[in-house]
Amino acid sequence: MAKTILTPITLWKDFDDSLPLNEEIVSEKQSEKFDCKEAYFYGRQTAKARVKIFSRFFTPKGAEEYPAVMVLFEAGLPTDMNFVRYLIERGYGVLCVDYCGDDGTETHTVYPADIDYANYARAGKALTRAEETAKETSWYEWAAVARYGVKYLRAQPRVTKAGCIGMRTGGEVLWKIAPFAPVDCMISVCAAGWLAYQGEGRFGNDGIKTFDEERHRFIAGVESQSYAPYCACPVLLLCAVNDKKYNSDRVYDTFQQINPQTEKAILFSARGSGLMGSRSLVDLNLFLDKHLKDRWIYISKPIGISFGEDENGNLIAKGVFDADGDMQECGIFYTEEIENYRARDWTRVLATEDDVEENTFTCPINVFEGSSRVLAYSFARYTNGFSVTSKIQEFAVAKRYNNTAGKSRILYSCDDELNGFLPYRQRSRAVADCFVAGGRESAKMLPGYGGILGISCEVGLLSYRPGEERYRAPAGVELQFDAYCRTDAVCKVSFLYKDKEYGQLIYTCEQRIEGGGRWKKVNMRANEFKTDTGVSLSDFTRVYAVVFDSDGEMLFNNIIWL
């Protein structure tokens, strides 16, 4: 079998998940709202021994029966109790299974010596390559653990139905059990395969990627897109654009591979700075409620997007939503930066009543005159709260439209509302490394002096507009903006710059802003921005992002190159 290309079917055809679990309870703890059972149970048999799987099972206090969810968190991260409590408060039991193995703690999954590479800390090439076959990879062992995890969850006497949620690496693992494990639904968060294409753009790349035999073995037996056609349960994909850990451009390719007879839905999130926003949790709740609590909840069919020209010669995007759903809000997100999928400025355009006709809507795309391509996706939110998005569609701009826009020295004004900025320091507070915590982590429009609105966020504001050709700074300009705060505060502005030799550099300038009174106009020259080693920024022409931050609540408006 050495060097054999194994498909999902041939890889798993002889897998034995019939062995007894032989549960060993480590501890049983009680709190005000839930009970927790820590236990080992046994997984697959290797040549040396059986895998000894560590788990924590959280159950709602006093519930006689309940649906339950197996959660696989991102590899290398601990159980996020905020997310566990979130599910428990909604009436679910939560099984957290450790698939990462030896992490230096006392309790963890124990892998036999002959598959030591299943320990995430020592995975090595078994995580990224299929040197022999897909069976000799960390992914195979982690999926084997997850299959026995589902078996363990199903064996719990008070569990009525069982679903799965996987975050990032945990989501990739779930794809590998979805065709085989008896689960009632699956939710994959920021995970949909294409790991072999890491660093390869989905759009604007005219070259065709070629792979050697090892890559074909990895793709066929490990990659999630290879498992998608065999999914045997309803699937919800939650995907963050601008994510630093995976390429969201290819997620829809996996989504399309899922059997059309299987209920499926997808949601992109563009305003979470690489994390999922609040709408994603609404989708998660509704999807679980439908499939695990047997509630009647309408899940929209996938929606579409196309490009065209209206009667006035304007470039437009047309969205097509599910006519059977009661649509409440719809529109598009679009961007003109193609290659760097991690640093795109996604502009939201909301459709008005006049833009909607039957189950279609149109939105203008005010494309920059220097753009050769545009990316866009449509979105629709229904009255039950469920939101869906289309695929990310590419459009080649071959002519000038009447709504074509020229270069702009205005990086931001309050007319943009929340467009142009994202919350900055969110990831340290993120729930399960995937979801925006909410509240103070969200960008807001607030009134300053004279009732004039400005944008503000307690964790700072990030904009990728300086890296867009439309907004790129001309040589020799200064940065000017208006700031307002009620009490004295320090304004900190940082520009992000990529250097071939040194990697990412951050140039920062600080200025104290007097509180109260009128809006304060602030001017900053390029050479006032310095790295932590004291190196000055020569000019603004090659920066790709800017961060506005402060040590107190501060509003920003009228950010321009002067």
Protein backbone atom coordinates (compact mmCIF):
# COMPACT_ATOMS: atom_id res chain seq x y z
CA MET A 1 0.00 0.00 0.00
CA ALA A 2 3.05 2.28 0.27
CA LYS A 3 2.84 5.45 -1.86
CA THR A 4 -0.79 4.64 -2.72
CA ILE A 5 -3.32 7.38 -3.41
CA LEU A 6 -6.23 6.66 -1.07
CA THR A 7 -9.63 8.32 -1.43
CA PRO A 8 -12.02 8.90 1.48
CA ILE A 9 -13.78 5.64 0.63
CA THR A 10 -10.68 3.45 0.29
CA LEU A 11 -8.95 5.05 3.26
CA TRP A 12 -11.77 4.35 5.70
CA LYS A 13 -13.40 1.21 4.28
CA ASP A 14 -11.78 -1.09 6.85
CA PHE A 15 -11.93 1.24 9.86
CA ASP A 16 -13.23 -0.53 12.95
CA ASP A 17 -15.35 1.66 15.21
CA SER A 18 -17.07 -1.29 16.90
CA LEU A 19 -14.60 -1.73 19.75
CA PRO A 20 -15.99 -1.19 23.27
CA LEU A 21 -15.47 2.28 24.79
CA ASN A 22 -14.44 1.04 28.26
CA GLU A 23 -15.08 4.40 29.91
CA GLU A 24 -12.85 5.39 32.86
CA ILE A 25 -14.26 8.34 34.83
CA VAL A 26 -11.56 10.69 36.15
CA SER A 27 -13.79 13.14 38.02
CA GLU A 28 -17.35 14.44 38.28
CA LYS A 29 -17.85 18.10 39.14
CA GLN A 30 -20.93 20.20 39.68
CA SER A 31 -21.56 23.92 39.35
CA GLU A 32 -24.63 26.12 39.55
CA LYS A 33 -25.56 25.77 35.86
CA PHE A 34 -23.91 22.57 34.64
CA ASP A 35 -22.27 19.30 35.58
CA CYS A 36 -18.94 18.15 34.16
CA LYS A 37 -17.68 14.60 33.78
CA GLU A 38 -14.01 14.11 32.91
CA ALA A 39 -13.37 10.69 31.48
CA TYR A 40 -11.16 8.53 29.31
CA PHE A 41 -12.59 6.18 26.74
CA TYR A 42 -10.82 4.05 24.20
CA GLY A 43 -10.48 4.55 20.46
CA ARG A 44 -8.96 2.58 17.65
CA GLN A 45 -6.49 -0.28 18.02
CA THR A 46 -2.96 0.20 16.62
CA ALA A 47 -0.22 -2.40 16.41
CA LYS A 48 0.90 -1.38 19.92
CA ALA A 49 -2.27 -0.52 21.85
CA ARG A 50 -5.60 1.27 21.76
CA VAL A 51 -5.80 5.07 21.72
CA LYS A 52 -6.89 6.38 25.14
CA ILE A 53 -9.09 9.42 24.55
CA PHE A 54 -9.56 12.17 27.13
CA SER A 55 -12.85 14.07 27.20
CA ARG A 56 -14.93 16.54 29.19
CA PHE A 57 -18.70 16.19 29.01
CA PHE A 58 -20.72 19.19 30.18
CA THR A 59 -24.45 18.76 30.77
CA PRO A 60 -27.20 21.30 31.58
CA LYS A 61 -28.10 21.32 35.26
CA GLY A 62 -31.20 19.29 36.05
CA ALA A 63 -32.09 18.36 32.46
CA GLU A 64 -33.56 14.87 32.14
CA GLU A 65 -32.69 14.72 28.45
CA TYR A 66 -31.04 17.07 25.99
CA PRO A 67 -29.44 17.26 22.55
CA ALA A 68 -25.65 17.40 22.60
CA VAL A 69 -22.77 18.71 20.52
CA MET A 70 -19.24 17.39 20.16
CA VAL A 71 -16.89 20.39 19.89
CA LEU A 72 -13.39 20.17 18.43
CA PHE A 73 -11.46 23.37 19.15
CA GLU A 74 -8.49 24.73 17.24
CA ALA A 75 -5.38 22.56 17.66
CA GLY A 76 -3.09 23.72 20.43
CA LEU A 77 -5.72 25.83 22.19
CA PRO A 78 -7.45 24.91 25.46
CA THR A 79 -11.18 24.33 25.89
CA ASP A 80 -12.89 27.73 25.63
CA MET A 81 -15.34 27.75 28.51
CA ASN A 82 -17.05 30.87 27.17
CA PHE A 83 -18.17 28.88 24.13
CA VAL A 84 -19.05 25.83 26.22
CA ARG A 85 -21.24 27.95 28.54
CA TYR A 86 -22.83 29.61 25.50
CA LEU A 87 -24.05 26.21 24.28
CA ILE A 88 -25.06 24.95 27.71
CA GLU A 89 -27.21 28.03 28.31
CA ARG A 90 -29.09 27.08 25.15
CA GLY A 91 -29.86 23.65 26.47
CA TYR A 92 -27.12 21.56 24.86
CA GLY A 93 -24.79 19.01 26.34
CA VAL A 94 -21.21 19.66 25.20
CA LEU A 95 -18.56 16.99 24.66
CA CYS A 96 -15.03 18.39 24.32
CA VAL A 97 -12.69 15.73 22.96
CA ASP A 98 -8.93 16.14 23.05
CA TYR A 99 -7.42 15.10 19.74
CA CYS A 100 -4.09 16.91 20.16
CA GLY A 101 -2.58 14.47 22.64
CA ASP A 102 0.48 15.13 24.79
CA ASP A 103 0.65 18.85 25.55
CA GLY A 104 2.51 18.67 28.84
CA THR A 105 -0.63 18.60 30.98
CA GLU A 106 -1.59 15.73 33.27
CA THR A 107 -4.78 14.76 31.44
CA HIS A 108 -4.72 14.36 27.67
CA THR A 109 -5.37 11.80 24.96
CA VAL A 110 -2.68 9.11 25.00
CA TYR A 111 -1.52 7.87 21.62
CA PRO A 112 0.45 4.60 21.38
CA ALA A 113 4.14 4.91 20.51
CA ASP A 114 3.69 3.67 16.94
CA ILE A 115 1.54 6.73 16.09
CA ASP A 116 3.41 9.31 18.17
CA TYR A 117 2.97 11.79 15.30
CA ALA A 118 -0.70 12.03 16.30
CA ASN A 119 0.47 14.27 19.18
CA TYR A 120 0.04 17.75 17.73
CA ALA A 121 3.22 19.04 19.39
CA ARG A 122 5.26 16.35 17.63
CA ALA A 123 3.27 15.95 14.41
CA GLY A 124 6.04 17.14 12.10
CA LYS A 125 5.57 16.17 8.47
CA ALA A 126 2.63 13.92 9.36
CA LEU A 127 0.59 17.11 9.67
CA THR A 128 1.43 18.57 6.29
CA ARG A 129 2.40 15.63 4.08
CA ALA A 130 1.29 12.11 3.14
CA GLU A 131 4.72 10.58 2.64
CA GLU A 132 3.42 7.01 2.45
CA THR A 133 -0.38 7.19 2.37
CA ALA A 134 -3.04 9.38 3.96
CA LYS A 135 -3.34 6.76 6.71
CA GLU A 136 0.10 7.64 8.13
CA THR A 137 -0.90 11.23 8.92
CA SER A 138 -2.00 13.09 12.02
CA TRP A 139 -5.32 13.79 10.31
CA TYR A 140 -6.21 10.12 10.10
CA GLU A 141 -5.61 9.63 13.82
CA TRP A 142 -7.52 12.78 14.77
CA ALA A 143 -10.49 11.74 12.63
CA ALA A 144 -10.37 8.29 14.26
CA VAL A 145 -10.57 9.98 17.68
CA ALA A 146 -13.53 12.07 16.51
CA ARG A 147 -15.40 9.01 15.22
CA TYR A 148 -15.05 7.32 18.59
CA GLY A 149 -16.01 10.64 20.18
CA VAL A 150 -19.34 10.54 18.33
CA LYS A 151 -19.81 6.95 19.44
CA TYR A 152 -19.18 8.00 23.05
CA LEU A 153 -21.61 10.90 22.77
CA ARG A 154 -24.31 8.65 21.33
CA ALA A 155 -23.80 6.25 24.22
CA GLN A 156 -24.73 8.86 26.85
CA PRO A 157 -28.16 7.81 28.16
CA ARG A 158 -29.83 11.26 28.23
CA VAL A 159 -28.65 12.49 24.82
CA THR A 160 -31.48 12.74 22.29
CA LYS A 161 -29.58 13.93 19.23
CA ALA A 162 -25.92 14.63 18.42
CA GLY A 163 -24.25 17.30 16.31
CA CYS A 164 -20.66 18.48 15.78
CA ILE A 165 -18.93 21.85 15.72
CA GLY A 166 -15.30 22.22 14.62
CA MET A 167 -13.11 25.34 14.73
CA ARG A 168 -10.24 25.67 12.26
CA THR A 169 -8.17 22.46 12.62
CA GLY A 170 -11.10 20.92 14.50
CA GLY A 171 -13.35 21.81 11.57
CA GLU A 172 -10.98 20.13 9.14
CA VAL A 173 -11.17 16.99 11.28
CA LEU A 174 -14.97 17.02 11.16
CA TRP A 175 -15.05 16.93 7.37
CA LYS A 176 -13.28 13.58 7.56
CA ILE A 177 -15.96 12.00 9.75
CA ALA A 178 -19.05 13.62 8.19
CA PRO A 179 -19.49 10.84 5.59
CA PHE A 180 -19.29 8.08 8.19
CA ALA A 181 -20.22 9.14 11.74
CA PRO A 182 -23.89 9.08 12.83
CA VAL A 183 -24.31 12.82 13.49
CA ASP A 184 -27.44 14.88 12.90
CA CYS A 185 -25.61 17.99 11.66
CA MET A 186 -22.17 19.53 11.35
CA ILE A 187 -20.92 23.12 11.61
CA SER A 188 -17.46 23.90 10.25
CA VAL A 189 -16.00 27.24 11.36
CA CYS A 190 -13.12 28.74 9.34
CA ALA A 191 -12.21 25.37 7.84
CA ALA A 192 -12.91 23.92 4.40
CA GLY A 193 -9.73 22.28 3.10
CA TRP A 194 -7.32 23.39 0.37
CA LEU A 195 -4.37 23.14 2.77
CA ALA A 196 -2.07 22.06 -0.07
CA TYR A 197 -2.84 25.39 -1.75
CA GLN A 198 -1.65 27.46 1.22
CA GLY A 199 -0.31 30.77 -0.04
CA GLU A 200 -1.75 30.22 -3.51
CA GLY A 201 -4.28 32.86 -4.57
CA ARG A 202 -7.67 31.76 -5.87
CA PHE A 203 -8.14 34.82 -8.08
CA GLY A 204 -5.90 36.76 -10.39
CA ASN A 205 -3.55 33.81 -10.81
CA ASP A 206 -3.18 32.76 -14.43
CA GLY A 207 -0.81 29.92 -13.67
CA ILE A 208 -2.01 26.35 -13.07
CA LYS A 209 -0.69 24.75 -9.89
CA THR A 210 1.11 21.46 -10.52
CA PHE A 211 1.60 18.82 -7.82
CA ASP A 212 3.82 15.80 -7.36
CA GLU A 213 2.49 12.40 -6.28
CA GLU A 214 2.79 13.16 -2.58
CA ARG A 215 0.57 16.22 -2.97
CA HIS A 216 -2.00 14.13 -4.81
CA ARG A 217 -1.95 11.59 -1.96
CA PHE A 218 -2.50 14.39 0.56
CA ILE A 219 -5.27 16.05 -1.43
CA ALA A 220 -7.16 12.82 -2.15
CA GLY A 221 -7.08 11.35 1.37
CA VAL A 222 -6.74 14.33 3.70
CA GLU A 223 -8.18 17.49 2.17
CA SER A 224 -11.71 18.42 3.24
CA GLN A 225 -12.87 19.19 -0.29
CA SER A 226 -12.30 15.51 -1.14
CA TYR A 227 -14.73 14.50 1.65
CA ALA A 228 -17.43 17.08 0.86
CA PRO A 229 -19.25 14.98 -1.81
CA TYR A 230 -19.76 12.19 0.73
CA CYS A 231 -21.20 14.29 3.58
CA ALA A 232 -24.14 12.41 5.06
CA CYS A 233 -25.55 15.16 7.32
CA PRO A 234 -26.68 18.80 7.02
CA VAL A 235 -23.70 21.19 6.91
CA LEU A 236 -23.27 24.85 7.87
CA LEU A 237 -20.06 26.65 6.86
CA LEU A 238 -19.09 29.82 8.72
CA CYS A 239 -16.16 31.60 7.10
CA ALA A 240 -14.29 34.82 7.90
CA VAL A 241 -12.76 36.83 5.08
CA ASN A 242 -9.35 38.43 5.72
CA ASP A 243 -8.55 35.41 7.88
CA LYS A 244 -4.83 35.04 8.58
CA LYS A 245 -4.95 31.25 8.96
CA TYR A 246 -6.72 30.06 5.82
CA ASN A 247 -7.81 31.30 2.41
CA SER A 248 -11.53 32.04 2.42
CA ASP A 249 -11.50 32.42 -1.38
CA ARG A 250 -11.63 28.63 -1.80
CA VAL A 251 -14.30 27.84 0.79
CA TYR A 252 -17.16 27.95 -1.69
CA ASP A 253 -15.37 25.42 -3.89
CA THR A 254 -15.74 22.94 -1.03
CA PHE A 255 -19.32 24.04 -0.36
CA GLN A 256 -20.25 23.32 -3.99
CA GLN A 257 -18.89 19.78 -3.67
CA ILE A 258 -21.44 18.88 -1.00
CA ASN A 259 -24.29 16.73 -2.29
CA PRO A 260 -27.08 19.10 -3.41
CA GLN A 261 -29.61 16.80 -1.75
CA THR A 262 -27.96 17.58 1.61
CA GLU A 263 -29.19 20.71 3.38
CA LYS A 264 -26.32 23.15 3.44
CA ALA A 265 -25.72 26.84 4.05
CA ILE A 266 -22.74 29.18 3.99
CA LEU A 267 -22.03 32.56 5.58
CA PHE A 268 -19.04 34.81 4.99
CA SER A 269 -18.22 37.44 7.60
CA ALA A 270 -16.42 40.57 6.42
CA ARG A 271 -16.59 42.85 9.46
CA GLY A 272 -14.87 40.69 12.06
CA SER A 273 -11.28 41.43 11.01
CA GLY A 274 -10.65 37.75 10.29
CA LEU A 275 -13.20 36.51 12.86
CA MET A 276 -16.88 35.61 12.64
CA GLY A 277 -19.35 38.33 13.65
CA SER A 278 -22.60 38.20 15.63
CA ARG A 279 -24.71 37.06 12.67
CA SER A 280 -22.74 33.82 12.54
CA LEU A 281 -23.83 32.88 16.07
CA VAL A 282 -27.46 33.48 15.10
CA ASP A 283 -26.98 31.07 12.19
CA LEU A 284 -25.26 28.56 14.47
CA ASN A 285 -28.12 28.70 16.98
CA LEU A 286 -30.86 28.32 14.38
CA PHE A 287 -29.06 25.50 12.57
CA LEU A 288 -28.58 23.53 15.79
CA ASP A 289 -32.15 24.21 16.92
CA LYS A 290 -33.54 22.85 13.68
CA HIS A 291 -31.48 19.69 13.51
CA LEU A 292 -31.05 18.87 17.19
CA LYS A 293 -34.23 20.28 18.76
CA ASP A 294 -36.59 19.51 15.84
CA ARG A 295 -37.78 23.11 15.63
CA TRP A 296 -39.30 24.28 12.35
CA ILE A 297 -36.76 26.78 11.06
CA TYR A 298 -36.47 27.76 7.43
CA ILE A 299 -32.90 27.48 6.16
CA SER A 300 -32.44 29.40 2.93
CA LYS A 301 -31.16 27.75 -0.21
CA PRO A 302 -27.81 29.05 -1.52
CA ILE A 303 -28.01 32.47 -3.18
CA GLY A 304 -26.32 33.74 -6.33
CA ILE A 305 -24.43 36.72 -7.67
CA SER A 306 -23.61 38.05 -11.13
CA PHE A 307 -22.35 41.28 -12.67
CA GLY A 308 -23.87 43.54 -15.31
CA GLU A 309 -24.51 47.06 -16.54
CA ASP A 310 -27.70 49.03 -15.86
CA GLU A 311 -29.52 51.32 -18.26
CA ASN A 312 -27.44 54.28 -17.06
CA GLY A 313 -24.14 52.62 -17.89
CA ASN A 314 -23.25 51.79 -14.27
CA LEU A 315 -21.48 48.62 -13.15
CA ILE A 316 -23.83 46.64 -10.89
CA ALA A 317 -23.92 43.35 -9.04
CA LYS A 318 -27.12 41.33 -9.11
CA GLY A 319 -28.03 39.05 -6.24
CA VAL A 320 -30.61 36.26 -6.42
CA PHE A 321 -32.05 35.07 -3.11
CA ASP A 322 -34.37 32.24 -2.10
CA ALA A 323 -37.91 33.23 -3.15
CA ASP A 324 -39.40 30.89 -0.52
CA GLY A 325 -37.75 32.85 2.30
CA ASP A 326 -39.06 36.08 3.83
CA MET A 327 -36.09 38.35 3.09
CA GLN A 328 -35.44 41.24 5.49
CA GLU A 329 -32.10 42.69 4.35
CA CYS A 330 -29.80 42.10 1.39
CA GLY A 331 -26.81 43.60 -0.39
CA ILE A 332 -23.23 42.95 -1.41
CA PHE A 333 -19.65 43.23 -0.20
CA TYR A 334 -17.01 44.06 -2.80
CA THR A 335 -13.27 44.67 -2.96
CA GLU A 336 -10.76 45.57 -5.65
CA GLU A 337 -7.57 44.20 -4.09
CA ILE A 338 -7.20 40.73 -5.59
CA GLU A 339 -3.92 39.07 -4.67
CA ASN A 340 -3.56 39.59 -0.91
CA TYR A 341 -6.66 37.88 0.47
CA ARG A 342 -5.60 38.69 4.05
CA ALA A 343 -5.66 42.46 3.57
CA ARG A 344 -8.69 43.42 1.52
CA ASP A 345 -10.96 46.37 2.10
CA TRP A 346 -14.50 44.95 1.73
CA THR A 347 -17.12 47.65 1.11
CA ARG A 348 -20.73 46.93 2.13
CA VAL A 349 -23.56 48.15 -0.11
CA LEU A 350 -27.08 47.66 1.23
CA ALA A 351 -29.91 47.24 -1.28
CA THR A 352 -32.86 49.62 -0.92
CA GLU A 353 -36.52 48.72 -1.47
CA ASP A 354 -36.27 50.13 -5.00
CA ASP A 355 -33.32 47.82 -5.70
CA VAL A 356 -35.35 44.66 -4.98
CA GLU A 357 -37.69 43.03 -7.49
CA GLU A 358 -39.22 39.64 -6.72
CA ASN A 359 -36.25 37.53 -5.59
CA THR A 360 -33.47 39.62 -7.17
CA PHE A 361 -31.72 42.81 -6.14
CA THR A 362 -29.08 45.08 -7.65
CA CYS A 363 -26.32 47.14 -6.05
CA PRO A 364 -23.89 49.56 -7.69
CA ILE A 365 -20.16 48.86 -7.66
CA ASN A 366 -18.30 52.15 -7.88
CA VAL A 367 -15.19 50.51 -9.25
CA PHE A 368 -11.89 52.40 -9.22
CA GLU A 369 -10.75 53.52 -12.65
CA GLY A 370 -7.43 51.70 -12.21
CA SER A 371 -8.95 48.33 -11.29
CA SER A 372 -8.84 45.44 -13.72
CA ARG A 373 -10.79 43.04 -11.50
CA VAL A 374 -13.41 43.16 -8.78
CA LEU A 375 -14.44 40.55 -6.21
CA ALA A 376 -17.92 40.56 -4.68
CA TYR A 377 -20.36 38.37 -2.82
CA SER A 378 -24.05 38.88 -2.06
CA PHE A 379 -25.79 38.41 1.26
CA ALA A 380 -29.37 38.04 2.45
CA ARG A 381 -30.82 38.00 5.95
CA TYR A 382 -34.31 36.58 6.46
CA THR A 383 -36.91 37.56 9.03
CA ASN A 384 -36.14 34.52 11.16
CA GLY A 385 -32.60 35.88 11.56
CA PHE A 386 -30.82 33.33 9.35
CA SER A 387 -28.22 34.87 7.02
CA VAL A 388 -26.58 33.41 3.92
CA THR A 389 -24.03 34.56 1.39
CA SER A 390 -23.13 33.68 -2.17
CA LYS A 391 -19.77 32.58 -3.46
CA ILE A 392 -17.03 35.18 -3.91
CA GLN A 393 -17.30 36.02 -7.60
CA GLU A 394 -14.57 37.57 -9.74
CA PHE A 395 -15.32 40.12 -12.47
CA ALA A 396 -12.82 41.39 -15.06
CA VAL A 397 -13.26 45.10 -15.66
CA ALA A 398 -12.84 45.59 -19.42
CA LYS A 399 -14.33 49.08 -19.88
CA ARG A 400 -15.06 52.34 -18.12
CA TYR A 401 -18.49 52.63 -16.48
CA ASN A 402 -20.37 55.79 -15.62
CA ASN A 403 -19.99 55.08 -11.91
CA THR A 404 -16.25 54.48 -12.24
CA ALA A 405 -14.42 56.37 -9.46
CA GLY A 406 -11.08 58.16 -9.59
CA LYS A 407 -8.31 58.26 -6.98
CA SER A 408 -9.30 59.60 -3.60
CA ARG A 409 -7.29 61.38 -0.93
CA ILE A 410 -10.14 60.81 1.52
CA LEU A 411 -9.38 57.62 3.41
CA TYR A 412 -12.53 57.93 5.51
CA SER A 413 -15.45 60.23 6.33
CA CYS A 414 -18.52 59.57 8.44
CA ASP A 415 -20.52 59.18 5.21
CA ASP A 416 -18.74 55.82 4.90
CA GLU A 417 -20.37 54.73 8.19
CA LEU A 418 -18.57 51.47 9.11
CA ASN A 419 -17.06 50.89 5.66
CA GLY A 420 -13.30 51.23 5.53
CA PHE A 421 -12.56 50.17 9.10
CA LEU A 422 -12.44 46.96 11.13
CA PRO A 423 -11.91 46.38 14.87
CA TYR A 424 -8.19 45.84 15.51
CA ARG A 425 -7.18 44.01 18.73
CA GLN A 426 -9.90 41.38 18.68
CA ARG A 427 -8.15 38.04 18.48
CA SER A 428 -6.89 38.02 22.08
CA ARG A 429 -10.51 38.35 23.20
CA ALA A 430 -12.02 36.10 20.53
CA VAL A 431 -14.30 33.24 21.53
CA ALA A 432 -12.77 29.91 20.48
CA ASP A 433 -10.31 31.81 18.25
CA CYS A 434 -13.14 32.22 15.73
CA PHE A 435 -15.93 34.47 17.01
CA VAL A 436 -15.92 38.17 17.85
CA ALA A 437 -16.60 38.54 21.57
CA GLY A 438 -18.98 41.44 20.84
CA GLY A 439 -19.78 44.58 22.82
CA ARG A 440 -16.66 46.68 23.22
CA GLU A 441 -14.94 44.76 20.41
CA SER A 442 -17.32 46.20 17.79
CA ALA A 443 -16.82 49.36 15.74
CA LYS A 444 -19.47 52.03 16.33
CA MET A 445 -20.64 55.37 14.96
CA LEU A 446 -20.95 57.86 17.84
CA PRO A 447 -21.79 61.58 18.01
CA GLY A 448 -19.07 64.09 18.90
CA TYR A 449 -19.12 67.86 19.15
CA GLY A 450 -22.08 69.37 17.28
CA GLY A 451 -23.67 65.94 16.87
CA ILE A 452 -21.19 65.12 14.10
CA LEU A 453 -20.64 61.37 13.91
CA GLY A 454 -17.27 59.68 14.10
CA ILE A 455 -16.12 56.08 14.10
CA SER A 456 -14.79 54.54 17.31
CA CYS A 457 -13.80 51.17 18.75
CA GLU A 458 -12.36 50.34 22.16
CA VAL A 459 -9.95 47.78 20.70
CA GLY A 460 -8.71 50.12 17.97
CA LEU A 461 -9.60 50.57 14.31
CA LEU A 462 -7.84 48.93 11.36
CA SER A 463 -8.13 50.02 7.73
CA TYR A 464 -6.65 48.32 4.66
CA ARG A 465 -7.53 51.27 2.45
CA PRO A 466 -3.97 52.69 2.36
CA GLY A 467 -2.94 49.52 0.48
CA GLU A 468 -5.68 49.93 -2.14
CA GLU A 469 -4.64 51.71 -5.31
CA ARG A 470 -7.67 53.99 -5.09
CA TYR A 471 -6.58 55.32 -1.69
CA ARG A 472 -2.81 54.91 -1.92
CA ALA A 473 -0.95 58.01 -0.71
CA PRO A 474 0.76 60.27 -3.24
CA ALA A 475 4.41 61.08 -2.51
CA GLY A 476 5.09 63.92 -0.12
CA VAL A 477 1.71 64.10 1.63
CA GLU A 478 0.83 64.38 5.31
CA LEU A 479 -1.88 62.52 7.18
CA GLN A 480 -4.68 64.71 8.49
CA PHE A 481 -7.76 63.72 10.52
CA ASP A 482 -10.31 65.03 12.99
CA ALA A 483 -10.41 63.54 16.49
CA TYR A 484 -12.80 64.05 19.39
CA CYS A 485 -12.72 62.78 22.99
CA ARG A 486 -14.58 63.91 26.10
CA THR A 487 -11.52 63.67 28.33
CA ASP A 488 -7.82 64.02 27.55
CA ALA A 489 -6.45 60.95 25.75
CA VAL A 490 -3.43 59.86 23.71
CA CYS A 491 -4.09 59.15 20.05
CA LYS A 492 -1.83 56.45 18.58
CA VAL A 493 -1.64 55.99 14.81
CA SER A 494 0.34 53.11 13.29
CA PHE A 495 1.09 52.25 9.68
CA LEU A 496 1.79 48.65 8.64
CA TYR A 497 4.52 48.16 6.07
CA LYS A 498 5.85 44.98 4.46
CA ASP A 499 9.58 44.83 3.87
CA LYS A 500 11.19 42.03 1.81
CA GLU A 501 14.12 41.74 4.21
CA TYR A 502 12.55 42.44 7.61
CA GLY A 503 8.94 41.31 7.09
CA GLN A 504 6.16 43.41 8.58
CA LEU A 505 7.22 46.70 10.13
CA ILE A 506 5.02 48.95 12.24
CA TYR A 507 5.59 52.71 12.24
CA THR A 508 3.85 54.61 15.04
CA CYS A 509 3.19 58.21 16.01
CA GLU A 510 1.42 59.40 19.17
CA GLN A 511 -0.23 62.70 20.00
CA ARG A 512 -2.16 63.86 23.04
CA ILE A 513 -5.68 65.13 22.28
CA GLU A 514 -7.33 67.62 24.63
CA GLY A 515 -10.76 66.46 25.78
CA GLY A 516 -14.03 68.33 25.26
CA GLY A 517 -14.67 71.34 23.07
CA ARG A 518 -14.62 71.11 19.29
CA TRP A 519 -13.19 68.40 17.06
CA LYS A 520 -9.38 68.64 16.98
CA LYS A 521 -7.62 68.63 13.62
CA VAL A 522 -4.45 66.55 13.71
CA ASN A 523 -1.60 66.59 11.16
CA MET A 524 1.16 63.98 11.09
CA ARG A 525 4.17 63.86 8.75
CA ALA A 526 5.66 60.56 7.54
CA ASN A 527 9.00 61.05 9.33
CA GLU A 528 7.16 61.38 12.66
CA PHE A 529 6.22 57.69 12.41
CA LYS A 530 8.92 55.39 13.80
CA THR A 531 9.50 51.72 14.45
CA ASP A 532 10.24 50.50 17.98
CA THR A 533 13.95 50.73 17.06
CA GLY A 534 13.62 54.38 16.06
CA VAL A 535 13.66 54.02 12.26
CA SER A 536 11.53 56.71 10.56
CA LEU A 537 9.01 56.14 7.79
CA SER A 538 10.20 57.79 4.58
CA ASP A 539 6.73 58.28 3.06
CA PHE A 540 3.25 56.75 3.04
CA THR A 541 3.28 55.37 -0.50
CA ARG A 542 4.05 51.73 0.33
CA VAL A 543 2.11 51.14 3.55
CA TYR A 544 -0.72 48.61 3.32
CA ALA A 545 -2.79 49.35 6.43
CA VAL A 546 -3.32 51.91 9.18
CA VAL A 547 -4.43 51.52 12.82
CA PHE A 548 -6.10 54.26 14.90
CA ASP A 549 -6.01 53.63 18.63
CA SER A 550 -6.22 55.56 21.90
CA ASP A 551 -6.08 55.09 25.67
CA GLY A 552 -9.66 56.37 26.03
CA GLU A 553 -12.80 56.59 23.91
CA MET A 554 -11.92 58.64 20.83
CA LEU A 555 -13.87 59.36 17.65
CA PHE A 556 -12.25 59.77 14.22
CA ASN A 557 -13.50 61.48 11.08
CA ASN A 558 -12.28 63.13 7.85
CA ILE A 559 -9.09 61.11 7.47
CA ILE A 560 -7.28 62.43 4.41
CA TRP A 561 -3.92 62.68 2.63
CA LEU A 562 -3.04 66.37 2.63
